[in-house]
Amino acid sequence: MASRTAMSTAPEVAQSGDAGGRNGVVAFLAVCFSGSWLYLYAAHSWWGLSLVDPLVQLPFGFMPALAAVVVRRWVTREGFAGAGLRFRFRGAWPYYLAAWLGPLVFAAAAVGLAGALGWRTPGPSSLTDLSGGLPAWAFVPLLMLVVPLLTPVYWGEEFGWVPFLRQRLFPGRPLRATMATGLIWAVWHYPLAFTGYIEFSDLPLGLAVWTVSFLFQEVLLGWLYDRSGSVWVVSLAHGGNNMVLSLLTGFLLGERAGLGVNTVTLLTTAPMALACAVIAVGALLRGKSSARRRAAAETGH
């Protein structure tokens, strides 16, 4: 995971030893998990609603943001300065572009990897069945145009996870904070495996694979936030992960190629893991370069 860079757009981080920060984390997790899981139980067991329905998912998806708002306003009373709410288009446009196009690149890489491993994968023309007859050359661009429109929906999750929780877990240790946030984010999703949203043939293995996928996603989302300073970049990437990466690979590799959920998840995770490795190597090289410059400055050479 890339270390935080000293840039004007970088969001502020809660300081270690800040009692309000610790209280904020506890309050956030209590509100987020209790509200989300109680809603899932009520929707599935009491009201008989399907969690596959996007409208039914909305209260669940907005609970992290609601928890962050409640804690910022009434628990820590810190307000919303430094919360990453500014768009920062001028300085962050490369990261908006990466967040928008990245999921499509990952989807193509996952399908290509499946083919390289010997699985028979359908061509893009098969997407006409998914799009109701619309040709693939029109459907994919249309899907890409829809993603930015849905970005506010995914803000409902990301405003809680990245600008709030991740910035308060293990201050000064971005990799540890990212791993902890990713693990918490994955566990928060676990009830979906028991309420009809996703079905694993091997539940323990499925949850483990799902967790690994969330961890790599969190590294990428955290990197985008650190570089852009805007939660909207992260929300755009999250929307692309769901609406482009998961949708296309689920159809092409799941329904059409007949691969299981775990296999498809691993195939989509592989290119994300490669991107994370590139980020880590870049951070390591920049760190060594900075160390050399500091040493040269101290010795006067």
Protein backbone atom coordinates (compact mmCIF):
# COMPACT_ATOMS: atom_id res chain seq x y z
CA MET A 1 0.00 0.00 0.00
CA ALA A 2 1.34 3.40 -0.92
CA SER A 3 2.27 5.59 1.97
CA ARG A 4 0.50 8.89 2.37
CA THR A 5 2.04 11.63 0.27
CA ALA A 6 2.57 15.20 1.32
CA MET A 7 0.13 16.86 -1.04
CA SER A 8 -2.30 19.70 -0.56
CA THR A 9 -5.27 17.54 -1.48
CA ALA A 10 -4.52 14.85 1.07
CA PRO A 11 -7.27 14.55 3.69
CA GLU A 12 -6.45 15.00 7.31
CA VAL A 13 -5.93 11.99 9.55
CA ALA A 14 -7.04 11.49 13.13
CA GLN A 15 -4.12 11.70 15.51
CA SER A 16 -3.02 8.78 17.67
CA GLY A 17 -4.15 9.12 21.24
CA ASP A 18 -7.14 11.28 20.32
CA ALA A 19 -9.87 10.14 22.73
CA GLY A 20 -12.55 11.60 20.49
CA GLY A 21 -11.14 9.60 17.61
CA ARG A 22 -11.27 6.33 19.56
CA ASN A 23 -14.77 7.07 20.79
CA GLY A 24 -15.70 7.95 17.23
CA VAL A 25 -14.51 4.61 15.90
CA VAL A 26 -16.45 2.66 18.52
CA ALA A 27 -19.60 4.72 17.96
CA PHE A 28 -19.28 4.44 14.19
CA LEU A 29 -18.94 0.65 14.26
CA ALA A 30 -21.82 0.31 16.71
CA VAL A 31 -24.21 2.42 14.63
CA CYS A 32 -23.07 1.01 11.29
CA PHE A 33 -23.15 -2.68 12.15
CA SER A 34 -26.25 -2.68 14.34
CA GLY A 35 -28.25 -0.58 11.89
CA SER A 36 -27.11 -2.50 8.82
CA TRP A 37 -27.49 -6.00 10.19
CA LEU A 38 -30.80 -5.31 11.89
CA TYR A 39 -32.15 -3.94 8.62
CA LEU A 40 -30.93 -7.00 6.68
CA TYR A 41 -32.57 -9.34 9.18
CA ALA A 42 -35.84 -7.40 9.09
CA ALA A 43 -35.89 -7.12 5.29
CA HIS A 44 -35.15 -10.81 4.76
CA SER A 45 -36.90 -12.53 7.68
CA TRP A 46 -39.73 -10.18 8.64
CA TRP A 47 -40.72 -8.46 5.42
CA GLY A 48 -39.72 -11.18 2.92
CA LEU A 49 -37.86 -8.75 0.67
CA SER A 50 -35.19 -9.80 -1.80
CA LEU A 51 -31.74 -8.36 -1.18
CA VAL A 52 -31.02 -8.78 -4.89
CA ASP A 53 -33.35 -5.79 -5.46
CA PRO A 54 -31.16 -2.63 -5.61
CA LEU A 55 -33.89 -0.56 -3.93
CA VAL A 56 -34.01 -2.97 -1.00
CA GLN A 57 -30.22 -2.69 -0.71
CA LEU A 58 -30.24 1.11 -0.41
CA PRO A 59 -30.81 1.44 3.38
CA PHE A 60 -28.07 -1.12 3.98
CA GLY A 61 -25.70 0.63 1.59
CA PHE A 62 -26.23 4.07 3.12
CA MET A 63 -25.76 2.98 6.73
CA PRO A 64 -21.94 3.60 6.79
CA ALA A 65 -22.44 7.18 5.61
CA LEU A 66 -25.28 7.70 8.07
CA ALA A 67 -23.10 6.37 10.90
CA ALA A 68 -20.24 8.70 9.90
CA VAL A 69 -22.57 11.70 9.78
CA VAL A 70 -24.04 10.89 13.19
CA VAL A 71 -20.60 10.44 14.77
CA ARG A 72 -19.07 13.53 13.19
CA ARG A 73 -22.03 15.66 14.19
CA TRP A 74 -22.94 14.40 17.67
CA VAL A 75 -20.12 12.21 19.04
CA THR A 76 -16.77 13.71 18.04
CA ARG A 77 -18.38 17.04 17.05
CA GLU A 78 -15.61 17.54 14.51
CA GLY A 79 -17.91 18.56 11.69
CA PHE A 80 -17.11 17.82 8.08
CA ALA A 81 -13.92 19.73 7.39
CA GLY A 82 -11.34 17.36 5.93
CA ALA A 83 -14.02 14.77 5.17
CA GLY A 84 -13.12 14.52 1.49
CA LEU A 85 -16.39 16.04 0.31
CA ARG A 86 -14.82 18.41 -2.21
CA PHE A 87 -14.75 17.17 -5.81
CA ARG A 88 -11.24 18.52 -6.62
CA PHE A 89 -11.73 17.99 -10.36
CA ARG A 90 -8.81 20.19 -11.37
CA GLY A 91 -6.13 18.33 -9.44
CA ALA A 92 -7.75 14.90 -9.17
CA TRP A 93 -8.95 14.34 -12.74
CA PRO A 94 -6.36 11.58 -13.46
CA TYR A 95 -7.72 9.62 -10.49
CA TYR A 96 -11.31 10.14 -11.61
CA LEU A 97 -10.26 8.71 -14.95
CA ALA A 98 -8.53 5.75 -13.28
CA ALA A 99 -11.55 5.13 -11.06
CA TRP A 100 -13.87 5.23 -14.07
CA LEU A 101 -11.86 3.10 -16.51
CA GLY A 102 -10.13 0.78 -14.04
CA PRO A 103 -13.05 -1.63 -13.48
CA LEU A 104 -13.47 -2.10 -17.24
CA VAL A 105 -9.76 -2.87 -17.60
CA PHE A 106 -9.96 -5.33 -14.70
CA ALA A 107 -12.99 -7.02 -16.29
CA ALA A 108 -11.17 -7.45 -19.60
CA ALA A 109 -8.10 -8.77 -17.77
CA ALA A 110 -10.19 -11.26 -15.79
CA VAL A 111 -11.83 -12.62 -18.95
CA GLY A 112 -8.45 -12.79 -20.66
CA LEU A 113 -6.97 -14.64 -17.70
CA ALA A 114 -9.81 -17.15 -17.76
CA GLY A 115 -9.11 -17.81 -21.43
CA ALA A 116 -5.38 -18.15 -20.81
CA LEU A 117 -6.09 -20.74 -18.12
CA GLY A 118 -8.02 -22.84 -20.61
CA TRP A 119 -11.60 -21.98 -19.73
CA ARG A 120 -13.86 -21.38 -22.68
CA THR A 121 -15.04 -17.80 -22.48
CA PRO A 122 -17.75 -16.18 -24.63
CA GLY A 123 -16.99 -13.23 -26.88
CA PRO A 124 -18.26 -9.68 -26.31
CA SER A 125 -21.15 -10.30 -28.70
CA SER A 126 -22.81 -12.46 -26.03
CA LEU A 127 -23.42 -9.28 -24.02
CA THR A 128 -26.41 -8.66 -26.28
CA ASP A 129 -28.33 -11.14 -24.14
CA LEU A 130 -27.45 -9.20 -20.99
CA SER A 131 -28.41 -5.87 -22.56
CA GLY A 132 -31.76 -6.99 -23.93
CA GLY A 133 -30.60 -7.03 -27.54
CA LEU A 134 -28.42 -3.93 -27.48
CA PRO A 135 -25.11 -4.68 -29.28
CA ALA A 136 -21.99 -4.88 -27.13
CA TRP A 137 -20.37 -1.91 -28.88
CA ALA A 138 -23.25 0.24 -27.59
CA PHE A 139 -24.01 -1.52 -24.32
CA VAL A 140 -20.56 -1.24 -22.72
CA PRO A 141 -20.19 2.53 -23.40
CA LEU A 142 -23.74 3.06 -22.13
CA LEU A 143 -22.90 1.11 -18.99
CA MET A 144 -19.80 3.24 -18.52
CA LEU A 145 -21.91 6.40 -18.79
CA VAL A 146 -24.33 5.14 -16.17
CA VAL A 147 -21.61 4.56 -13.55
CA PRO A 148 -20.92 8.27 -12.83
CA LEU A 149 -24.66 8.85 -12.40
CA LEU A 150 -24.75 6.18 -9.70
CA THR A 151 -21.70 7.53 -7.85
CA PRO A 152 -23.86 9.24 -5.15
CA VAL A 153 -25.38 5.83 -4.35
CA TYR A 154 -21.96 4.36 -3.58
CA TRP A 155 -21.04 7.44 -1.58
CA GLY A 156 -23.41 5.91 0.96
CA GLU A 157 -20.77 3.30 1.76
CA GLU A 158 -17.53 5.08 1.04
CA PHE A 159 -18.14 8.19 3.14
CA GLY A 160 -18.12 5.89 6.14
CA TRP A 161 -15.29 3.50 5.27
CA VAL A 162 -12.48 5.53 3.74
CA PRO A 163 -12.69 9.18 4.87
CA PHE A 164 -13.88 8.24 8.35
CA LEU A 165 -12.91 4.75 9.54
CA ARG A 166 -9.68 4.22 7.60
CA GLN A 167 -8.34 7.61 8.64
CA ARG A 168 -8.76 6.71 12.33
CA LEU A 169 -7.44 3.16 12.45
CA PHE A 170 -3.71 2.94 13.18
CA PRO A 171 -2.79 6.59 12.43
CA GLY A 172 0.53 6.89 10.66
CA ARG A 173 0.38 3.26 9.50
CA PRO A 174 -1.57 3.35 6.23
CA LEU A 175 -1.04 -0.30 5.29
CA ARG A 176 -2.28 -1.58 8.64
CA ALA A 177 -5.21 0.86 8.56
CA THR A 178 -6.13 -0.26 5.06
CA MET A 179 -6.01 -3.95 5.94
CA ALA A 180 -8.11 -3.40 9.06
CA THR A 181 -10.67 -1.34 7.14
CA GLY A 182 -10.84 -3.92 4.37
CA LEU A 183 -11.40 -6.71 6.87
CA ILE A 184 -14.15 -4.77 8.67
CA TRP A 185 -15.73 -3.90 5.32
CA ALA A 186 -15.74 -7.58 4.35
CA VAL A 187 -17.26 -8.73 7.65
CA TRP A 188 -19.95 -6.07 7.31
CA HIS A 189 -20.98 -7.78 4.05
CA TYR A 190 -21.08 -11.33 5.49
CA PRO A 191 -24.83 -11.38 6.28
CA LEU A 192 -25.51 -11.00 2.55
CA ALA A 193 -24.30 -14.59 2.16
CA PHE A 194 -27.12 -15.71 4.46
CA THR A 195 -29.92 -13.56 3.06
CA GLY A 196 -30.04 -14.58 -0.59
CA TYR A 197 -27.81 -11.87 -2.09
CA ILE A 198 -24.98 -14.29 -2.92
CA GLU A 199 -24.79 -18.07 -2.64
CA PHE A 200 -21.55 -19.97 -2.01
CA SER A 201 -21.44 -23.71 -2.58
CA ASP A 202 -18.73 -23.86 0.09
CA LEU A 203 -19.61 -21.11 2.58
CA PRO A 204 -16.34 -20.91 4.59
CA LEU A 205 -14.24 -20.91 1.42
CA GLY A 206 -16.57 -18.42 -0.22
CA LEU A 207 -16.33 -15.98 2.66
CA ALA A 208 -12.54 -16.34 2.69
CA VAL A 209 -12.26 -15.63 -1.05
CA TRP A 210 -14.69 -12.73 -0.70
CA THR A 211 -12.60 -11.29 2.12
CA VAL A 212 -9.40 -11.43 0.07
CA SER A 213 -11.18 -9.61 -2.74
CA PHE A 214 -12.37 -6.88 -0.36
CA LEU A 215 -8.85 -6.41 0.99
CA PHE A 216 -7.37 -5.78 -2.46
CA GLN A 217 -10.27 -3.51 -3.35
CA GLU A 218 -9.66 -1.51 -0.19
CA VAL A 219 -6.00 -1.03 -1.08
CA LEU A 220 -7.01 0.46 -4.43
CA LEU A 221 -9.78 2.58 -2.96
CA GLY A 222 -7.50 3.84 -0.21
CA TRP A 223 -4.81 4.71 -2.74
CA LEU A 224 -7.31 6.65 -4.84
CA TYR A 225 -8.44 8.58 -1.77
CA ASP A 226 -4.92 9.36 -0.63
CA ARG A 227 -3.96 10.63 -4.07
CA SER A 228 -7.14 12.58 -4.84
CA GLY A 229 -8.36 13.72 -1.42
CA SER A 230 -11.95 13.22 -2.59
CA VAL A 231 -14.49 10.62 -1.50
CA TRP A 232 -16.20 11.07 -4.87
CA VAL A 233 -13.26 9.43 -6.67
CA VAL A 234 -13.56 6.44 -4.36
CA SER A 235 -17.34 6.29 -4.80
CA LEU A 236 -16.92 6.33 -8.59
CA ALA A 237 -14.48 3.41 -8.39
CA HIS A 238 -16.81 1.48 -6.09
CA GLY A 239 -19.67 2.02 -8.53
CA GLY A 240 -17.51 0.73 -11.37
CA ASN A 241 -16.54 -2.35 -9.36
CA ASN A 242 -20.20 -3.24 -8.87
CA MET A 243 -21.76 -2.07 -12.12
CA VAL A 244 -18.96 -2.94 -14.57
CA LEU A 245 -16.45 -5.39 -13.11
CA SER A 246 -18.87 -7.61 -11.18
CA LEU A 247 -21.69 -7.37 -13.71
CA LEU A 248 -19.63 -8.16 -16.81
CA THR A 249 -17.48 -10.89 -15.30
CA GLY A 250 -20.45 -12.43 -13.51
CA PHE A 251 -22.27 -12.73 -16.82
CA LEU A 252 -19.37 -13.68 -19.09
CA LEU A 253 -17.56 -16.01 -16.71
CA GLY A 254 -20.38 -17.14 -14.45
CA GLU A 255 -23.52 -17.50 -16.48
CA ARG A 256 -21.85 -18.07 -19.87
CA ALA A 257 -18.67 -19.93 -18.94
CA GLY A 258 -20.25 -21.80 -16.03
CA LEU A 259 -17.54 -20.95 -13.52
CA GLY A 260 -18.40 -20.87 -9.83
CA VAL A 261 -18.69 -17.72 -7.73
CA ASN A 262 -15.36 -18.35 -5.99
CA THR A 263 -13.53 -18.88 -9.27
CA VAL A 264 -14.99 -15.73 -10.81
CA THR A 265 -14.10 -13.75 -7.69
CA LEU A 266 -10.51 -14.97 -7.81
CA LEU A 267 -10.26 -14.12 -11.51
CA THR A 268 -11.45 -10.57 -10.87
CA THR A 269 -9.15 -10.24 -7.86
CA ALA A 270 -6.02 -11.24 -9.77
CA PRO A 271 -5.70 -8.03 -11.85
CA MET A 272 -6.51 -5.95 -8.78
CA ALA A 273 -3.71 -7.73 -6.90
CA LEU A 274 -1.33 -6.88 -9.76
CA ALA A 275 -2.36 -3.22 -9.59
CA CYS A 276 -1.78 -3.26 -5.83
CA ALA A 277 1.70 -4.72 -6.39
CA VAL A 278 2.52 -1.91 -8.83
CA ILE A 279 1.36 0.65 -6.27
CA ALA A 280 3.46 -0.99 -3.55
CA VAL A 281 6.59 -1.09 -5.73
CA GLY A 282 6.08 2.54 -6.72
CA ALA A 283 5.75 3.54 -3.07
CA LEU A 284 8.90 1.60 -2.18
CA LEU A 285 10.91 3.23 -4.97
CA ARG A 286 9.68 6.70 -4.01
CA GLY A 287 10.57 6.02 -0.39
CA LYS A 288 14.11 4.97 -1.32
CA SER A 289 14.48 8.01 -3.57
CA SER A 290 13.34 10.33 -0.79
CA ALA A 291 15.74 8.67 1.64
CA ARG A 292 18.65 9.19 -0.76
CA ARG A 293 17.74 12.84 -1.21
CA ARG A 294 17.57 13.37 2.54
CA ALA A 295 20.91 11.64 3.03
CA ALA A 296 22.47 13.76 0.29
CA ALA A 297 21.06 16.93 1.84
CA GLU A 298 22.42 16.00 5.27
CA THR A 299 25.91 15.27 3.92
CA GLY A 300 25.92 18.27 1.63
CA HIS A 301 26.42 16.21 -1.55
